[in-house]
Protein backbone atom coordinates (compact mmCIF):
# COMPACT_ATOMS: atom_id res chain seq x y z
CA UNK A 1 85.08 -45.05 138.86
CA UNK A 2 88.27 -47.02 139.52
CA UNK A 3 91.56 -45.35 138.30
CA UNK A 4 92.95 -46.71 135.20
CA UNK A 5 89.09 -48.99 134.32
CA UNK A 6 87.85 -48.22 131.19
CA UNK A 7 84.19 -49.01 129.80
CA UNK A 8 84.74 -52.04 126.96
CA UNK A 9 81.16 -51.95 125.08
CA UNK A 10 80.82 -55.13 123.06
CA UNK A 11 77.57 -56.46 121.27
CA UNK A 12 76.43 -60.13 120.16
CA UNK A 13 74.38 -59.82 116.77
CA UNK A 14 70.56 -59.39 118.60
CA UNK A 15 70.44 -55.56 117.29
CA UNK A 16 74.01 -53.89 115.88
CA UNK A 17 71.85 -51.04 115.57
CA UNK A 18 71.21 -49.98 119.11
CA UNK A 19 74.61 -51.24 120.05
CA UNK A 20 76.17 -48.36 117.09
CA UNK A 21 73.99 -45.66 118.70
CA UNK A 22 74.87 -46.23 121.87
CA UNK A 23 78.83 -46.56 121.34
CA UNK A 24 78.04 -43.15 119.64
CA UNK A 25 76.87 -41.62 122.33
CA UNK A 26 78.97 -43.12 125.06
CA UNK A 27 81.94 -41.78 122.23
CA UNK A 28 83.58 -44.99 123.11
CA UNK A 29 84.08 -47.73 120.19
CA UNK A 30 82.27 -51.15 120.28
CA UNK A 31 85.47 -53.43 121.03
CA UNK A 32 85.43 -55.57 117.83
CA UNK A 33 84.81 -59.48 118.69
CA UNK A 34 83.04 -61.69 116.33
CA UNK A 35 79.73 -64.16 117.30
CA UNK A 36 79.39 -66.50 113.91
CA UNK A 37 77.71 -70.23 114.18
CA UNK A 38 79.55 -73.54 113.03
CA UNK A 39 78.11 -75.87 110.63
CA UNK A 40 76.42 -77.90 113.55
CA UNK A 41 75.06 -74.79 115.29
CA UNK A 42 77.38 -74.26 117.93
CA UNK A 43 78.75 -70.75 118.53
CA UNK A 44 81.78 -69.16 118.54
CA UNK A 45 82.90 -66.34 120.24
CA UNK A 46 86.45 -64.18 119.31
CA UNK A 47 87.03 -60.88 121.35
CA UNK A 48 90.08 -59.26 119.44
CA UNK A 49 91.10 -56.25 122.04
CA UNK A 50 92.17 -57.26 125.97
CA UNK A 51 89.30 -57.09 128.34
CA UNK A 52 91.55 -57.77 131.35
CA UNK A 53 90.63 -55.58 134.21
CA UNK A 54 88.05 -53.45 132.79
CA UNK A 55 84.72 -52.66 133.01
CA UNK A 56 82.88 -54.63 130.52
CA UNK A 57 79.23 -54.04 129.32
CA UNK A 58 77.79 -56.51 126.74
CA UNK A 59 74.61 -55.86 124.97
CA UNK A 60 72.02 -58.24 123.62
CA UNK A 61 68.28 -57.86 123.90
CA UNK A 62 65.87 -60.81 124.00
CA UNK A 63 64.34 -60.77 120.60
CA UNK A 64 63.96 -62.85 116.93
CA UNK A 65 66.10 -66.18 117.63
CA UNK A 66 65.81 -65.65 121.21
CA UNK A 67 67.94 -68.47 122.23
CA UNK A 68 70.59 -67.96 120.18
CA UNK A 69 70.79 -64.77 121.50
CA UNK A 70 70.54 -65.67 125.08
CA UNK A 71 73.11 -67.96 124.02
CA UNK A 72 75.38 -65.62 122.09
CA UNK A 73 75.19 -63.40 125.66
CA UNK A 74 76.25 -66.21 128.09
CA UNK A 75 78.98 -67.31 126.02
CA UNK A 76 80.37 -63.57 125.76
CA UNK A 77 80.00 -63.23 129.23
CA UNK A 78 82.23 -66.33 130.21
CA UNK A 79 84.60 -65.34 127.20
CA UNK A 80 85.33 -62.01 129.37
CA UNK A 81 84.87 -64.00 132.65
CA UNK A 82 88.00 -65.96 131.53
CA UNK A 83 89.57 -63.33 130.11
CA UNK A 84 89.64 -61.10 133.21
CA UNK A 85 87.38 -58.64 133.08
CA UNK A 86 86.78 -56.64 136.42
CA UNK A 87 83.23 -56.41 136.39
CA UNK A 88 80.58 -57.73 133.98
CA UNK A 89 77.76 -56.34 132.85
CA UNK A 90 74.86 -57.92 130.96
CA UNK A 91 72.73 -55.33 128.75
CA UNK A 92 69.62 -56.80 127.70
CA UNK A 93 67.23 -53.95 126.83
CA UNK A 94 64.40 -57.00 126.46
CA UNK A 95 64.90 -59.59 129.44
CA UNK A 96 63.79 -62.89 127.89
CA UNK A 97 61.48 -65.64 128.74
CA UNK A 98 60.23 -62.04 131.19
CA UNK A 99 55.98 -63.63 130.31
CA UNK A 100 57.38 -67.03 132.25
CA UNK A 101 57.87 -65.26 135.72
CA UNK A 102 55.57 -67.24 137.57
CA UNK A 103 53.96 -71.09 138.56
CA UNK A 104 50.66 -69.68 137.46
CA UNK A 105 49.40 -73.44 136.79
CA UNK A 106 50.69 -76.98 137.54
CA UNK A 107 54.49 -78.38 136.31
CA UNK A 108 54.51 -75.05 134.61
CA UNK A 109 58.26 -73.72 134.51
CA UNK A 110 59.16 -70.10 136.01
CA UNK A 111 61.85 -69.70 132.63
CA UNK A 112 63.12 -65.71 133.87
CA UNK A 113 64.22 -67.31 137.40
CA UNK A 114 66.13 -70.07 135.04
CA UNK A 115 67.93 -66.91 133.03
CA UNK A 116 68.03 -65.00 135.69
CA UNK A 117 70.80 -68.27 137.32
CA UNK A 118 71.95 -69.04 134.03
CA UNK A 119 73.49 -65.22 133.40
CA UNK A 120 74.81 -65.62 137.24
CA UNK A 121 76.64 -69.34 136.51
CA UNK A 122 77.88 -67.56 132.94
CA UNK A 123 80.18 -64.66 134.82
CA UNK A 124 77.68 -61.73 135.22
CA UNK A 125 78.97 -58.74 138.11
CA UNK A 126 75.54 -56.53 137.07
CA UNK A 127 72.11 -56.29 134.44
CA UNK A 128 70.74 -53.69 133.08
CA UNK A 129 67.69 -54.21 131.05
CA UNK A 130 64.33 -52.17 130.72
CA UNK A 131 60.39 -52.46 131.46
CA UNK A 132 60.82 -55.97 132.75
CA UNK A 133 57.37 -57.64 132.09
CA UNK A 134 57.05 -58.56 135.59
CA UNK A 135 59.09 -56.60 138.75
CA UNK A 136 59.69 -59.34 140.81
CA UNK A 137 62.00 -60.74 138.00
CA UNK A 138 64.72 -59.10 139.89
CA UNK A 139 64.34 -60.73 142.67
CA UNK A 140 65.59 -63.95 141.23
CA UNK A 141 69.00 -62.51 141.04
CA UNK A 142 71.59 -62.35 143.77
CA UNK A 143 73.37 -59.65 141.79
CA UNK A 144 72.53 -55.95 140.95
CA UNK A 145 70.24 -55.02 138.27
CA UNK A 146 69.18 -52.36 137.33
CA UNK A 147 65.22 -51.89 135.24
CA UNK A 148 65.54 -48.76 133.72
CA UNK A 149 61.33 -47.39 132.46
CA UNK A 150 60.16 -45.64 128.96
CA UNK A 151 57.71 -44.60 131.04
CA UNK A 152 59.43 -40.80 131.30
CA UNK A 153 59.65 -40.61 127.26
CA UNK A 154 56.28 -42.56 126.86
CA UNK A 155 55.40 -39.11 128.86
CA UNK A 156 57.37 -36.50 126.59
CA UNK A 157 56.15 -37.92 123.66
CA UNK A 158 52.16 -37.53 124.59
CA UNK A 159 52.50 -34.52 125.57
CA UNK A 160 54.91 -33.31 121.97
CA UNK A 161 52.88 -35.12 119.53
CA UNK A 162 49.40 -36.07 120.66
CA UNK A 163 47.32 -33.04 120.47
CA UNK A 164 44.65 -32.15 123.45
CA UNK A 165 45.83 -34.86 125.56
CA UNK A 166 45.52 -33.07 128.40
CA UNK A 167 41.83 -34.64 128.11
CA UNK A 168 42.92 -37.86 127.23
CA UNK A 169 42.64 -41.48 128.89
CA UNK A 170 44.93 -43.76 129.68
CA UNK A 171 43.81 -47.50 129.26
CA UNK A 172 45.67 -50.76 130.35
CA UNK A 173 44.68 -53.95 127.94
CA UNK A 174 44.57 -56.23 130.30
CA UNK A 175 44.20 -55.85 134.68
CA UNK A 176 47.92 -56.76 134.73
CA UNK A 177 49.27 -53.26 133.18
CA UNK A 178 47.18 -50.99 135.73
CA UNK A 179 49.44 -50.28 138.05
CA UNK A 180 51.93 -48.85 134.73
CA UNK A 181 48.52 -47.47 133.34
CA UNK A 182 47.81 -45.53 136.62
CA UNK A 183 51.72 -44.04 137.39
CA UNK A 184 51.08 -42.20 133.82
CA UNK A 185 47.55 -40.96 133.79
CA UNK A 186 48.75 -39.35 137.85
CA UNK A 187 51.64 -37.87 135.91
CA UNK A 188 49.65 -36.38 133.12
CA UNK A 189 46.87 -35.30 135.23
CA UNK A 190 44.23 -37.27 133.38
CA UNK A 191 42.22 -40.20 133.83
CA UNK A 192 42.46 -43.46 132.86
CA UNK A 193 40.45 -46.72 131.94
CA UNK A 194 40.81 -50.64 132.18
CA UNK A 195 40.08 -53.17 129.77
CA UNK A 196 39.60 -56.72 131.33
CA UNK A 197 38.95 -59.68 128.45
CA UNK A 198 36.82 -62.42 129.13
CA UNK A 199 36.29 -65.30 127.27
CA UNK A 200 32.91 -66.00 125.16
CA UNK A 201 32.37 -69.61 126.37
CA UNK A 202 34.52 -71.73 129.17
CA UNK A 203 36.80 -73.91 126.98
CA UNK A 204 40.25 -72.01 126.67
CA UNK A 205 40.31 -71.72 122.67
CA UNK A 206 36.70 -70.22 122.94
CA UNK A 207 37.31 -66.74 121.19
CA UNK A 208 38.01 -63.46 123.19
CA UNK A 209 35.78 -60.14 123.58
CA UNK A 210 36.66 -57.04 125.36
CA UNK A 211 34.91 -55.84 127.89
CA UNK A 212 35.86 -51.81 129.39
CA UNK A 213 35.10 -52.12 133.27
CA UNK A 214 36.43 -48.90 134.45
CA UNK A 215 36.00 -45.25 133.01
CA UNK A 216 34.48 -43.63 129.95
CA UNK A 217 36.31 -42.58 126.69
CA UNK A 218 33.21 -41.49 124.69
CA UNK A 219 34.23 -38.99 122.04
CA UNK A 220 37.82 -38.78 123.88
CA UNK A 221 40.91 -39.62 123.35
CA UNK A 222 43.11 -42.92 124.07
CA UNK A 223 46.16 -43.69 124.94
CA UNK A 224 46.60 -48.01 125.13
CA UNK A 225 49.83 -48.46 127.56
CA UNK A 226 51.25 -51.93 127.34
CA UNK A 227 54.98 -53.35 128.15
CA UNK A 228 54.21 -55.96 124.53
CA UNK A 229 53.22 -56.66 122.08
CA UNK A 230 53.91 -60.15 120.01
CA UNK A 231 51.57 -61.62 118.03
CA UNK A 232 48.90 -58.18 117.80
CA UNK A 233 46.10 -59.83 119.88
CA UNK A 234 45.53 -58.17 122.76
CA UNK A 235 45.91 -54.68 120.11
CA UNK A 236 43.74 -55.85 118.17
CA UNK A 237 41.30 -56.55 120.69
CA UNK A 238 41.37 -53.25 122.61
CA UNK A 239 41.76 -50.96 119.95
CA UNK A 240 38.35 -52.21 118.14
CA UNK A 241 36.79 -52.23 121.38
CA UNK A 242 37.64 -48.50 122.23
CA UNK A 243 36.48 -47.52 119.38
CA UNK A 244 33.15 -49.32 119.30
CA UNK A 245 32.47 -47.31 122.34
CA UNK A 246 33.12 -44.38 121.06
CA UNK A 247 37.05 -43.02 121.61
CA UNK A 248 37.16 -40.76 118.92
CA UNK A 249 41.31 -41.51 117.96
CA UNK A 250 43.52 -44.39 119.83
CA UNK A 251 47.39 -44.52 120.30
CA UNK A 252 48.79 -47.11 121.36
CA UNK A 253 52.58 -46.85 123.21
CA UNK A 254 54.20 -50.19 124.14
CA UNK A 255 57.78 -50.81 125.13
CA UNK A 256 58.59 -53.94 123.93
CA UNK A 257 57.56 -54.38 120.22
CA UNK A 258 58.75 -57.79 119.34
CA UNK A 259 55.78 -57.70 117.00
CA UNK A 260 56.61 -61.90 115.88
CA UNK A 261 53.64 -62.74 114.62
CA UNK A 262 52.26 -59.86 113.30
CA UNK A 263 51.82 -59.16 109.59
CA UNK A 264 52.52 -55.01 109.78
CA UNK A 265 49.43 -54.21 107.30
CA UNK A 266 46.91 -55.57 109.64
CA UNK A 267 47.96 -52.61 111.87
CA UNK A 268 47.66 -50.43 109.27
CA UNK A 269 44.22 -51.74 108.90
CA UNK A 270 43.54 -51.05 112.24
CA UNK A 271 41.48 -48.15 113.72
CA UNK A 272 44.78 -46.45 115.26
CA UNK A 273 46.34 -43.18 114.65
CA UNK A 274 49.83 -44.43 115.40
CA UNK A 275 51.46 -47.41 117.13
CA UNK A 276 54.80 -46.43 119.44
CA UNK A 277 56.99 -48.41 120.30
CA UNK A 278 60.72 -48.33 121.80
CA UNK A 279 63.46 -50.01 119.86
CA UNK A 280 64.71 -52.21 122.34
CA UNK A 281 64.11 -54.86 119.64
CA UNK A 282 65.10 -53.94 116.05
CA UNK A 283 62.24 -52.11 114.44
CA UNK A 284 63.59 -51.20 110.60
CA UNK A 285 61.71 -53.60 108.74
CA UNK A 286 58.75 -53.00 110.81
CA UNK A 287 58.78 -49.51 109.86
CA UNK A 288 59.26 -50.52 106.66
CA UNK A 289 56.13 -52.05 106.49
CA UNK A 290 53.79 -50.11 109.11
CA UNK A 291 53.24 -46.22 108.04
CA UNK A 292 51.62 -45.97 111.08
CA UNK A 293 54.26 -47.23 113.51
CA UNK A 294 56.58 -44.61 115.36
CA UNK A 295 59.95 -45.37 116.80
CA UNK A 296 61.17 -44.13 120.15
CA UNK A 297 64.82 -44.73 120.31
CA UNK A 298 66.33 -45.93 123.65
CA UNK A 299 69.99 -45.44 123.13
CA UNK A 300 70.20 -42.21 125.27
CA UNK A 301 68.97 -43.80 128.23
CA UNK A 302 71.23 -47.12 128.01
CA UNK A 303 74.16 -44.76 127.44
CA UNK A 304 73.32 -42.94 130.29
CA UNK A 305 72.15 -46.07 132.18
CA UNK A 306 75.99 -47.23 131.27
CA UNK A 307 77.98 -44.14 132.06
CA UNK A 308 76.78 -44.03 135.62
CA UNK A 309 77.03 -47.42 136.32
CA UNK A 310 80.61 -47.14 135.63
CA UNK A 311 80.95 -44.03 137.14
CA UNK A 312 79.11 -45.33 140.59
CA UNK A 313 76.43 -42.67 140.08
CA UNK A 314 72.44 -42.80 140.90
CA UNK A 315 70.25 -44.52 138.13
CA UNK A 316 67.36 -43.62 139.92
CA UNK A 317 67.97 -39.78 138.98
CA UNK A 318 67.30 -40.77 135.63
CA UNK A 319 63.40 -40.92 136.40
CA UNK A 320 62.83 -38.44 138.57
CA UNK A 321 59.76 -36.16 138.29
CA UNK A 322 61.85 -33.85 136.18
CA UNK A 323 62.80 -36.63 133.62
CA UNK A 324 59.87 -36.33 131.57
CA UNK A 325 61.80 -37.73 128.13
CA UNK A 326 64.26 -34.55 127.79
CA UNK A 327 67.59 -35.46 127.27
CA UNK A 328 66.70 -39.06 128.04
CA UNK A 329 65.48 -40.10 125.22
CA UNK A 330 64.70 -39.43 121.27
CA UNK A 331 62.48 -40.39 119.04
């Protein structure tokens, strides 16, 4: 820790509940600021306390109105930079445009790289994020990036709340999540399976079906693990496919529950026991509309990473073998 250098925690409008929870765990009040819009849509920021020579952390998640939230974050960073903050860390629980991480077709933008450039140009010195859609996004930055993991919390939740987990099967709904699923399965000492998504026909508009490629789920408890749910299409197809293949019970653990185009009543109608998500994005409204939704609180993980960053301590120790969800995440 730098002598005489205090933590200053600021927040935009994206997730005030999480910002308040992190502030309480750090025993540090939120630095008062206002982030509002002019009538023409331009964003106005005012910070009411000095941040000169302070260690500033700005918490802003890439959710709901993602473009407004991104601009709020950039302007807050710039305001702190011109106010002579010693170090500015952007705490972004859900990284915006993370799915645009590669050029997978002609003339496709790599928007995740553009966001990285914008953060650095605005004056960001360090980024803390969680469960990046693709870990190579860290390489888009020329500044330090700490990618936190919800995996220890997921493992802790499975052990405490899913009866018979010792004989469960951990399933990835697509090939991209195979590495994540095998890591959790290895730590739990259980089997894993992989679902392949294939279209009925050659057209891009053709309906999709799900096909199990690896693993047997008949009469087993199945735990679907993925990093993001947005429209809910993949979850719907996967849950129904698993039930058709004889799964006894199906649970779903998702890092980022965007649920931007999902009618929550449809989640209740799915053959799911529970849909477990983290609160990297606000979940209060979703939880009120869906009886199957369970929210894991990541505020302790975020707060501890901020404390360790400020004190110059290792963050990787948060995710060592001992970190099975105890003390670094509650639900």
